[in-house]
Structure formats: C-alpha cells, structure tokens
All heavy atoms as atom14 arrays in JSON, in Angstrom:
{
  "sequence": "SGRTFSIKAIGWYRQAPGKQRELVAEISRDSSTNYADSVKG",
  "atom14_mask": [
    [1, 1, 1, 1, 1, 1, 0, 0, 0, 0, 0, 0, 0, 0],
    [1, 1, 1, 1, 0, 0, 0, 0, 0, 0, 0, 0, 0, 0],
    [1, 1, 1, 1, 1, 1, 1, 1, 1, 1, 1, 0, 0, 0],
    [1, 1, 1, 1, 1, 1, 1, 0, 0, 0, 0, 0, 0, 0],
    [1, 1, 1, 1, 1, 1, 1, 1, 1, 1, 1, 0, 0, 0],
    [1, 1, 1, 1, 1, 1, 0, 0, 0, 0, 0, 0, 0, 0],
    [1, 1, 1, 1, 1, 1, 1, 1, 0, 0, 0, 0, 0, 0],
    [1, 1, 1, 1, 1, 1, 1, 1, 1, 0, 0, 0, 0, 0],
    [1, 1, 1, 1, 1, 0, 0, 0, 0, 0, 0, 0, 0, 0],
    [1, 1, 1, 1, 1, 1, 1, 1, 0, 0, 0, 0, 0, 0],
    [1, 1, 1, 1, 0, 0, 0, 0, 0, 0, 0, 0, 0, 0],
    [1, 1, 1, 1, 1, 1, 1, 1, 1, 1, 1, 1, 1, 1],
    [1, 1, 1, 1, 1, 1, 1, 1, 1, 1, 1, 1, 0, 0],
    [1, 1, 1, 1, 1, 1, 1, 1, 1, 1, 1, 0, 0, 0],
    [1, 1, 1, 1, 1, 1, 1, 1, 1, 0, 0, 0, 0, 0],
    [1, 1, 1, 1, 1, 0, 0, 0, 0, 0, 0, 0, 0, 0],
    [1, 1, 1, 1, 1, 1, 1, 0, 0, 0, 0, 0, 0, 0],
    [1, 1, 1, 1, 0, 0, 0, 0, 0, 0, 0, 0, 0, 0],
    [1, 1, 1, 1, 1, 1, 1, 1, 1, 0, 0, 0, 0, 0],
    [1, 1, 1, 1, 1, 1, 1, 1, 1, 0, 0, 0, 0, 0],
    [1, 1, 1, 1, 1, 1, 1, 1, 1, 1, 1, 0, 0, 0],
    [1, 1, 1, 1, 1, 1, 1, 1, 1, 0, 0, 0, 0, 0],
    [1, 1, 1, 1, 1, 1, 1, 1, 0, 0, 0, 0, 0, 0],
    [1, 1, 1, 1, 1, 1, 1, 0, 0, 0, 0, 0, 0, 0],
    [1, 1, 1, 1, 1, 0, 0, 0, 0, 0, 0, 0, 0, 0],
    [1, 1, 1, 1, 1, 1, 1, 1, 1, 0, 0, 0, 0, 0],
    [1, 1, 1, 1, 1, 1, 1, 1, 0, 0, 0, 0, 0, 0],
    [1, 1, 1, 1, 1, 1, 0, 0, 0, 0, 0, 0, 0, 0],
    [1, 1, 1, 1, 1, 1, 1, 1, 1, 1, 1, 0, 0, 0],
    [1, 1, 1, 1, 1, 1, 1, 1, 0, 0, 0, 0, 0, 0],
    [1, 1, 1, 1, 1, 1, 0, 0, 0, 0, 0, 0, 0, 0],
    [1, 1, 1, 1, 1, 1, 0, 0, 0, 0, 0, 0, 0, 0],
    [1, 1, 1, 1, 1, 1, 1, 0, 0, 0, 0, 0, 0, 0],
    [1, 1, 1, 1, 1, 1, 1, 1, 0, 0, 0, 0, 0, 0],
    [1, 1, 1, 1, 1, 1, 1, 1, 1, 1, 1, 1, 0, 0],
    [1, 1, 1, 1, 1, 0, 0, 0, 0, 0, 0, 0, 0, 0],
    [1, 1, 1, 1, 1, 1, 1, 1, 0, 0, 0, 0, 0, 0],
    [1, 1, 1, 1, 1, 1, 0, 0, 0, 0, 0, 0, 0, 0],
    [1, 1, 1, 1, 1, 1, 1, 0, 0, 0, 0, 0, 0, 0],
    [1, 1, 1, 1, 1, 1, 1, 1, 1, 0, 0, 0, 0, 0],
    [1, 1, 1, 1, 0, 0, 0, 0, 0, 0, 0, 0, 0, 0]
  ],
  "atom14_positions": [
    [[0.85, -1.19, 0.0], [0.0, 0.0, 0.0], [0.88, 1.23, 0.0], [2.09, 1.16, 0.23], [-0.94, -0.01, 1.21], [-0.2, -0.02, 2.42], [0.0, 0.0, 0.0], [0.0, 0.0, 0.0], [0.0, 0.0, 0.0], [0.0, 0.0, 0.0], [0.0, 0.0, 0.0], [0.0, 0.0, 0.0], [0.0, 0.0, 0.0], [0.0, 0.0, 0.0]],
    [[0.25, 2.38, -0.26], [1.01, 3.62, -0.33], [1.37, 3.92, -1.77], [0.56, 3.76, -2.67], [0.0, 0.0, 0.0], [0.0, 0.0, 0.0], [0.0, 0.0, 0.0], [0.0, 0.0, 0.0], [0.0, 0.0, 0.0], [0.0, 0.0, 0.0], [0.0, 0.0, 0.0], [0.0, 0.0, 0.0], [0.0, 0.0, 0.0], [0.0, 0.0, 0.0]],
    [[2.62, 4.32, -2.0], [3.07, 4.72, -3.33], [3.47, 3.5, -4.16], [4.61, 3.36, -4.62], [4.23, 5.68, -3.21], [3.86, 6.98, -2.5], [5.07, 7.85, -2.21], [5.74, 8.31, -3.4], [5.43, 9.42, -4.06], [4.44, 10.19, -3.63], [6.11, 9.77, -5.14], [0.0, 0.0, 0.0], [0.0, 0.0, 0.0], [0.0, 0.0, 0.0]],
    [[2.51, 2.61, -4.37], [2.81, 1.34, -5.05], [3.19, 1.55, -6.51], [3.86, 0.7, -7.09], [1.62, 0.38, -4.95], [0.47, 1.02, -5.51], [1.33, -0.01, -3.5], [0.0, 0.0, 0.0], [0.0, 0.0, 0.0], [0.0, 0.0, 0.0], [0.0, 0.0, 0.0], [0.0, 0.0, 0.0], [0.0, 0.0, 0.0], [0.0, 0.0, 0.0]],
    [[2.81, 2.67, -7.09], [3.17, 2.95, -8.49], [4.67, 3.11, -8.65], [5.21, 2.99, -9.75], [2.47, 4.22, -8.98], [2.86, 5.46, -8.23], [3.97, 6.19, -8.62], [2.15, 5.88, -7.12], [4.36, 7.34, -7.93], [2.53, 7.0, -6.42], [3.63, 7.74, -6.82], [0.0, 0.0, 0.0], [0.0, 0.0, 0.0], [0.0, 0.0, 0.0]],
    [[5.37, 3.35, -7.56], [6.82, 3.56, -7.63], [7.63, 2.26, -7.52], [8.85, 2.28, -7.65], [7.26, 4.5, -6.5], [7.05, 3.89, -5.23], [0.0, 0.0, 0.0], [0.0, 0.0, 0.0], [0.0, 0.0, 0.0], [0.0, 0.0, 0.0], [0.0, 0.0, 0.0], [0.0, 0.0, 0.0], [0.0, 0.0, 0.0], [0.0, 0.0, 0.0]],
    [[6.94, 1.15, -7.32], [7.64, -0.12, -7.14], [8.18, -0.64, -8.47], [7.43, -0.81, -9.42], [6.73, -1.16, -6.49], [6.34, -0.72, -5.08], [7.41, -2.53, -6.46], [5.31, -1.62, -4.42], [0.0, 0.0, 0.0], [0.0, 0.0, 0.0], [0.0, 0.0, 0.0], [0.0, 0.0, 0.0], [0.0, 0.0, 0.0], [0.0, 0.0, 0.0]],
    [[9.47, -0.93, -8.51], [10.09, -1.5, -9.7], [10.06, -3.02, -9.67], [9.92, -3.68, -10.69], [11.54, -1.04, -9.81], [11.75, 0.43, -10.06], [13.21, 0.8, -9.93], [14.13, -0.08, -10.72], [15.56, 0.26, -10.53], [0.0, 0.0, 0.0], [0.0, 0.0, 0.0], [0.0, 0.0, 0.0], [0.0, 0.0, 0.0], [0.0, 0.0, 0.0]],
    [[10.25, -3.56, -8.49], [10.24, -5.01, -8.31], [9.81, -5.31, -6.89], [10.07, -4.54, -5.97], [11.62, -5.62, -8.57], [0.0, 0.0, 0.0], [0.0, 0.0, 0.0], [0.0, 0.0, 0.0], [0.0, 0.0, 0.0], [0.0, 0.0, 0.0], [0.0, 0.0, 0.0], [0.0, 0.0, 0.0], [0.0, 0.0, 0.0], [0.0, 0.0, 0.0]],
    [[9.17, -6.45, -6.73], [8.68, -6.85, -5.4], [8.86, -8.35, -5.28], [8.73, -9.09, -6.26], [7.21, -6.42, -5.2], [6.77, -6.67, -3.76], [6.3, -7.07, -6.22], [5.44, -5.99, -3.43], [0.0, 0.0, 0.0], [0.0, 0.0, 0.0], [0.0, 0.0, 0.0], [0.0, 0.0, 0.0], [0.0, 0.0, 0.0], [0.0, 0.0, 0.0]],
    [[9.18, -8.8, -4.08], [9.4, -10.22, -3.92], [9.65, -10.6, -2.48], [9.22, -9.91, -1.55], [0.0, 0.0, 0.0], [0.0, 0.0, 0.0], [0.0, 0.0, 0.0], [0.0, 0.0, 0.0], [0.0, 0.0, 0.0], [0.0, 0.0, 0.0], [0.0, 0.0, 0.0], [0.0, 0.0, 0.0], [0.0, 0.0, 0.0], [0.0, 0.0, 0.0]],
    [[10.37, -11.71, -2.32], [10.56, -12.31, -1.01], [12.03, -12.64, -0.77], [12.72, -13.15, -1.65], [9.76, -13.61, -0.91], [8.28, -13.39, -1.02], [7.53, -13.37, -2.15], [7.39, -13.13, 0.06], [6.23, -13.12, -1.85], [6.1, -12.97, -0.5], [7.54, -13.04, 1.44], [4.97, -12.71, 0.28], [6.43, -12.79, 2.21], [5.16, -12.62, 1.63]],
    [[12.47, -12.32, 0.43], [13.75, -12.75, 0.95], [13.46, -13.64, 2.17], [12.36, -13.62, 2.71], [14.6, -11.56, 1.38], [15.28, -10.82, 0.26], [14.56, -10.07, -0.66], [16.67, -10.84, 0.12], [15.19, -9.39, -1.69], [17.31, -10.16, -0.89], [16.57, -9.44, -1.78], [17.2, -8.76, -2.8], [0.0, 0.0, 0.0], [0.0, 0.0, 0.0]],
    [[14.47, -14.38, 2.58], [14.33, -15.15, 3.81], [15.64, -15.14, 4.59], [16.71, -14.96, 4.02], [13.92, -16.6, 3.51], [14.97, -17.43, 2.79], [14.38, -18.79, 2.43], [15.36, -19.63, 1.73], [15.07, -20.8, 1.18], [13.82, -21.28, 1.23], [16.02, -21.5, 0.57], [0.0, 0.0, 0.0], [0.0, 0.0, 0.0], [0.0, 0.0, 0.0]],
    [[15.5, -15.34, 5.89], [16.67, -15.39, 6.76], [16.47, -16.49, 7.78], [15.54, -16.45, 8.59], [16.89, -14.05, 7.46], [18.19, -13.99, 8.24], [18.56, -12.57, 8.63], [17.71, -11.68, 8.65], [19.83, -12.36, 8.92], [0.0, 0.0, 0.0], [0.0, 0.0, 0.0], [0.0, 0.0, 0.0], [0.0, 0.0, 0.0], [0.0, 0.0, 0.0]],
    [[17.36, -17.47, 7.72], [17.36, -18.56, 8.68], [18.29, -18.2, 9.84], [19.19, -17.36, 9.67], [17.82, -19.85, 8.02], [0.0, 0.0, 0.0], [0.0, 0.0, 0.0], [0.0, 0.0, 0.0], [0.0, 0.0, 0.0], [0.0, 0.0, 0.0], [0.0, 0.0, 0.0], [0.0, 0.0, 0.0], [0.0, 0.0, 0.0], [0.0, 0.0, 0.0]],
    [[18.1, -18.8, 10.99], [18.96, -18.48, 12.15], [20.43, -18.68, 11.83], [20.82, -19.72, 11.29], [18.49, -19.48, 13.2], [17.08, -19.78, 12.84], [17.04, -19.75, 11.35], [0.0, 0.0, 0.0], [0.0, 0.0, 0.0], [0.0, 0.0, 0.0], [0.0, 0.0, 0.0], [0.0, 0.0, 0.0], [0.0, 0.0, 0.0], [0.0, 0.0, 0.0]],
    [[21.23, -17.66, 12.11], [22.66, -17.75, 11.9], [23.1, -17.58, 10.46], [24.29, -17.73, 10.17], [0.0, 0.0, 0.0], [0.0, 0.0, 0.0], [0.0, 0.0, 0.0], [0.0, 0.0, 0.0], [0.0, 0.0, 0.0], [0.0, 0.0, 0.0], [0.0, 0.0, 0.0], [0.0, 0.0, 0.0], [0.0, 0.0, 0.0], [0.0, 0.0, 0.0]],
    [[22.16, -17.27, 9.57], [22.51, -17.12, 8.16], [22.15, -15.73, 7.66], [21.34, -15.03, 8.27], [21.8, -18.18, 7.32], [22.24, -19.6, 7.63], [21.65, -20.58, 6.64], [22.16, -21.99, 6.88], [21.61, -22.95, 5.89], [0.0, 0.0, 0.0], [0.0, 0.0, 0.0], [0.0, 0.0, 0.0], [0.0, 0.0, 0.0], [0.0, 0.0, 0.0]],
    [[22.74, -15.37, 6.52], [22.43, -14.08, 5.93], [21.07, -14.12, 5.24], [20.61, -15.17, 4.8], [23.52, -13.71, 4.91], [24.85, -13.34, 5.53], [25.83, -12.79, 4.5], [25.78, -13.16, 3.33], [26.71, -11.9, 4.93], [0.0, 0.0, 0.0], [0.0, 0.0, 0.0], [0.0, 0.0, 0.0], [0.0, 0.0, 0.0], [0.0, 0.0, 0.0]],
    [[20.48, -12.94, 5.12], [19.23, -12.84, 4.39], [19.52, -13.09, 2.91], [20.5, -12.58, 2.36], [18.62, -11.46, 4.6], [17.18, -11.33, 4.16], [16.59, -10.02, 4.6], [16.5, -9.91, 6.05], [15.85, -8.92, 6.67], [15.24, -7.98, 5.96], [15.83, -8.88, 8.0], [0.0, 0.0, 0.0], [0.0, 0.0, 0.0], [0.0, 0.0, 0.0]],
    [[18.65, -13.88, 2.26], [18.87, -14.22, 0.87], [17.61, -14.04, 0.05], [16.48, -14.19, 0.56], [19.34, -15.68, 0.74], [18.36, -16.7, 1.24], [18.79, -18.13, 1.0], [19.89, -18.35, 0.46], [18.02, -19.05, 1.36], [0.0, 0.0, 0.0], [0.0, 0.0, 0.0], [0.0, 0.0, 0.0], [0.0, 0.0, 0.0], [0.0, 0.0, 0.0]],
    [[17.8, -13.74, -1.23], [16.68, -13.6, -2.14], [16.05, -14.97, -2.38], [16.75, -15.95, -2.61], [17.14, -13.02, -3.47], [16.09, -12.98, -4.57], [15.01, -11.97, -4.26], [16.75, -12.67, -5.92], [0.0, 0.0, 0.0], [0.0, 0.0, 0.0], [0.0, 0.0, 0.0], [0.0, 0.0, 0.0], [0.0, 0.0, 0.0], [0.0, 0.0, 0.0]],
    [[14.72, -15.01, -2.32], [13.98, -16.23, -2.66], [13.41, -16.09, -4.06], [13.65, -16.94, -4.93], [12.86, -16.49, -1.64], [12.06, -17.72, -2.05], [13.42, -16.63, -0.23], [0.0, 0.0, 0.0], [0.0, 0.0, 0.0], [0.0, 0.0, 0.0], [0.0, 0.0, 0.0], [0.0, 0.0, 0.0], [0.0, 0.0, 0.0], [0.0, 0.0, 0.0]],
    [[12.64, -15.04, -4.29], [12.02, -14.83, -5.59], [11.57, -13.38, -5.67], [11.23, -12.77, -4.65], [10.82, -15.76, -5.79], [0.0, 0.0, 0.0], [0.0, 0.0, 0.0], [0.0, 0.0, 0.0], [0.0, 0.0, 0.0], [0.0, 0.0, 0.0], [0.0, 0.0, 0.0], [0.0, 0.0, 0.0], [0.0, 0.0, 0.0], [0.0, 0.0, 0.0]],
    [[11.56, -12.86, -6.88], [11.06, -11.51, -7.09], [10.43, -11.41, -8.47], [10.75, -12.19, -9.37], [12.15, -10.46, -6.93], [13.24, -10.52, -7.96], [14.29, -9.43, -7.75], [14.16, -8.63, -6.81], [15.26, -9.4, -8.54], [0.0, 0.0, 0.0], [0.0, 0.0, 0.0], [0.0, 0.0, 0.0], [0.0, 0.0, 0.0], [0.0, 0.0, 0.0]],
    [[9.52, -10.44, -8.6], [8.85, -10.2, -9.86], [8.94, -8.71, -10.17], [8.71, -7.88, -9.29], [7.39, -10.71, -9.82], [6.72, -10.57, -11.18], [6.59, -10.04, -8.71], [5.41, -11.35, -11.29], [0.0, 0.0, 0.0], [0.0, 0.0, 0.0], [0.0, 0.0, 0.0], [0.0, 0.0, 0.0], [0.0, 0.0, 0.0], [0.0, 0.0, 0.0]],
    [[9.29, -8.41, -11.4], [9.47, -7.01, -11.79], [8.18, -6.45, -12.38], [7.23, -7.18, -12.64], [10.6, -6.9, -12.82], [11.81, -7.35, -12.27], [0.0, 0.0, 0.0], [0.0, 0.0, 0.0], [0.0, 0.0, 0.0], [0.0, 0.0, 0.0], [0.0, 0.0, 0.0], [0.0, 0.0, 0.0], [0.0, 0.0, 0.0], [0.0, 0.0, 0.0]],
    [[8.19, -5.14, -12.6], [7.01, -4.49, -13.15], [6.65, -5.06, -14.52], [5.47, -5.13, -14.85], [7.24, -2.99, -13.22], [6.08, -2.19, -13.75], [6.26, -0.71, -13.49], [6.19, -0.39, -12.08], [5.05, -0.2, -11.42], [3.89, -0.34, -12.02], [5.08, 0.11, -10.12], [0.0, 0.0, 0.0], [0.0, 0.0, 0.0], [0.0, 0.0, 0.0]],
    [[7.67, -5.51, -15.27], [7.39, -6.1, -16.58], [7.05, -7.59, -16.49], [7.01, -8.27, -17.5], [8.58, -5.9, -17.53], [9.83, -6.64, -17.06], [9.8, -7.31, -16.01], [10.86, -6.53, -17.76], [0.0, 0.0, 0.0], [0.0, 0.0, 0.0], [0.0, 0.0, 0.0], [0.0, 0.0, 0.0], [0.0, 0.0, 0.0], [0.0, 0.0, 0.0]],
    [[6.85, -8.09, -15.27], [6.45, -9.47, -14.98], [7.58, -10.49, -15.13], [7.32, -11.69, -15.02], [5.26, -9.91, -15.83], [4.13, -9.1, -15.55], [0.0, 0.0, 0.0], [0.0, 0.0, 0.0], [0.0, 0.0, 0.0], [0.0, 0.0, 0.0], [0.0, 0.0, 0.0], [0.0, 0.0, 0.0], [0.0, 0.0, 0.0], [0.0, 0.0, 0.0]],
    [[8.78, -10.04, -15.35], [9.89, -11.0, -15.35], [10.14, -11.45, -13.92], [9.92, -10.7, -12.97], [11.15, -10.37, -15.94], [11.54, -9.24, -15.19], [0.0, 0.0, 0.0], [0.0, 0.0, 0.0], [0.0, 0.0, 0.0], [0.0, 0.0, 0.0], [0.0, 0.0, 0.0], [0.0, 0.0, 0.0], [0.0, 0.0, 0.0], [0.0, 0.0, 0.0]],
    [[10.58, -12.69, -13.77], [10.77, -13.27, -12.44], [12.21, -13.75, -12.26], [12.92, -14.04, -13.22], [9.82, -14.44, -12.2], [10.01, -15.43, -13.23], [8.37, -13.99, -12.2], [0.0, 0.0, 0.0], [0.0, 0.0, 0.0], [0.0, 0.0, 0.0], [0.0, 0.0, 0.0], [0.0, 0.0, 0.0], [0.0, 0.0, 0.0], [0.0, 0.0, 0.0]],
    [[12.59, -13.84, -11.02], [13.92, -14.3, -10.67], [13.79, -15.17, -9.42], [13.12, -14.76, -8.46], [14.83, -13.09, -10.39], [16.26, -13.5, -10.07], [16.76, -14.48, -10.59], [16.91, -12.73, -9.21], [0.0, 0.0, 0.0], [0.0, 0.0, 0.0], [0.0, 0.0, 0.0], [0.0, 0.0, 0.0], [0.0, 0.0, 0.0], [0.0, 0.0, 0.0]],
    [[14.41, -16.34, -9.44], [14.31, -17.28, -8.32], [15.7, -17.7, -7.85], [16.63, -17.84, -8.65], [13.57, -18.55, -8.74], [12.11, -18.37, -9.04], [11.67, -18.12, -10.33], [11.15, -18.47, -8.03], [10.32, -17.96, -10.62], [9.8, -18.32, -8.3], [9.4, -18.07, -9.6], [8.05, -17.93, -9.86], [0.0, 0.0, 0.0], [0.0, 0.0, 0.0]],
    [[15.81, -17.97, -6.57], [17.01, -18.6, -6.06], [17.07, -20.03, -6.61], [16.03, -20.68, -6.76], [16.99, -18.63, -4.53], [0.0, 0.0, 0.0], [0.0, 0.0, 0.0], [0.0, 0.0, 0.0], [0.0, 0.0, 0.0], [0.0, 0.0, 0.0], [0.0, 0.0, 0.0], [0.0, 0.0, 0.0], [0.0, 0.0, 0.0], [0.0, 0.0, 0.0]],
    [[18.26, -20.51, -6.89], [18.4, -21.87, -7.42], [17.77, -22.91, -6.5], [17.21, -23.91, -6.96], [19.88, -22.2, -7.63], [20.48, -21.45, -8.81], [19.72, -20.94, -9.66], [21.73, -21.37, -8.88], [0.0, 0.0, 0.0], [0.0, 0.0, 0.0], [0.0, 0.0, 0.0], [0.0, 0.0, 0.0], [0.0, 0.0, 0.0], [0.0, 0.0, 0.0]],
    [[17.83, -22.65, -5.21], [17.37, -23.64, -4.24], [15.85, -23.82, -4.24], [15.34, -24.8, -3.69], [17.83, -23.26, -2.84], [17.32, -21.98, -2.49], [0.0, 0.0, 0.0], [0.0, 0.0, 0.0], [0.0, 0.0, 0.0], [0.0, 0.0, 0.0], [0.0, 0.0, 0.0], [0.0, 0.0, 0.0], [0.0, 0.0, 0.0], [0.0, 0.0, 0.0]],
    [[15.12, -22.88, -4.86], [13.66, -22.98, -4.84], [13.06, -23.16, -6.23], [11.85, -23.34, -6.35], [13.02, -21.75, -4.15], [13.63, -21.54, -2.77], [13.15, -20.5, -5.0], [0.0, 0.0, 0.0], [0.0, 0.0, 0.0], [0.0, 0.0, 0.0], [0.0, 0.0, 0.0], [0.0, 0.0, 0.0], [0.0, 0.0, 0.0], [0.0, 0.0, 0.0]],
    [[13.89, -23.11, -7.26], [13.37, -23.27, -8.63], [12.65, -24.61, -8.77], [13.15, -25.64, -8.34], [14.53, -23.17, -9.63], [15.03, -21.76, -9.85], [16.17, -21.74, -10.87], [16.68, -20.32, -11.08], [17.84, -20.28, -12.01], [0.0, 0.0, 0.0], [0.0, 0.0, 0.0], [0.0, 0.0, 0.0], [0.0, 0.0, 0.0], [0.0, 0.0, 0.0]],
    [[11.49, -24.55, -9.4], [10.69, -25.75, -9.6], [9.79, -26.08, -8.43], [8.92, -26.95, -8.54], [0.0, 0.0, 0.0], [0.0, 0.0, 0.0], [0.0, 0.0, 0.0], [0.0, 0.0, 0.0], [0.0, 0.0, 0.0], [0.0, 0.0, 0.0], [0.0, 0.0, 0.0], [0.0, 0.0, 0.0], [0.0, 0.0, 0.0], [0.0, 0.0, 0.0]]
  ]
}
C-alpha cells in the first residue's frame, strides 16, 4: 500500500537463524521473475 506505483520489483527474501538474508524470488514491473536456485521448480 502507499506509493505502489513507484515499485520496480517486489518479492521475497528469507533469513534462517545464523545465516544471511537471501533472495527467494522476485517479480518485476514487466512481470519478469527471478528465483534462487534452491527454490526453482
């Protein structure tokens, strides 16, 4: 919500205990997607 028109890409990161935050998946305004190798499929 809010200034959603300004969003270029939106998605999900995750952080497990003792680990760095990592990208899980994201989708861009043009609908292209990007996934971490560990979650593909």
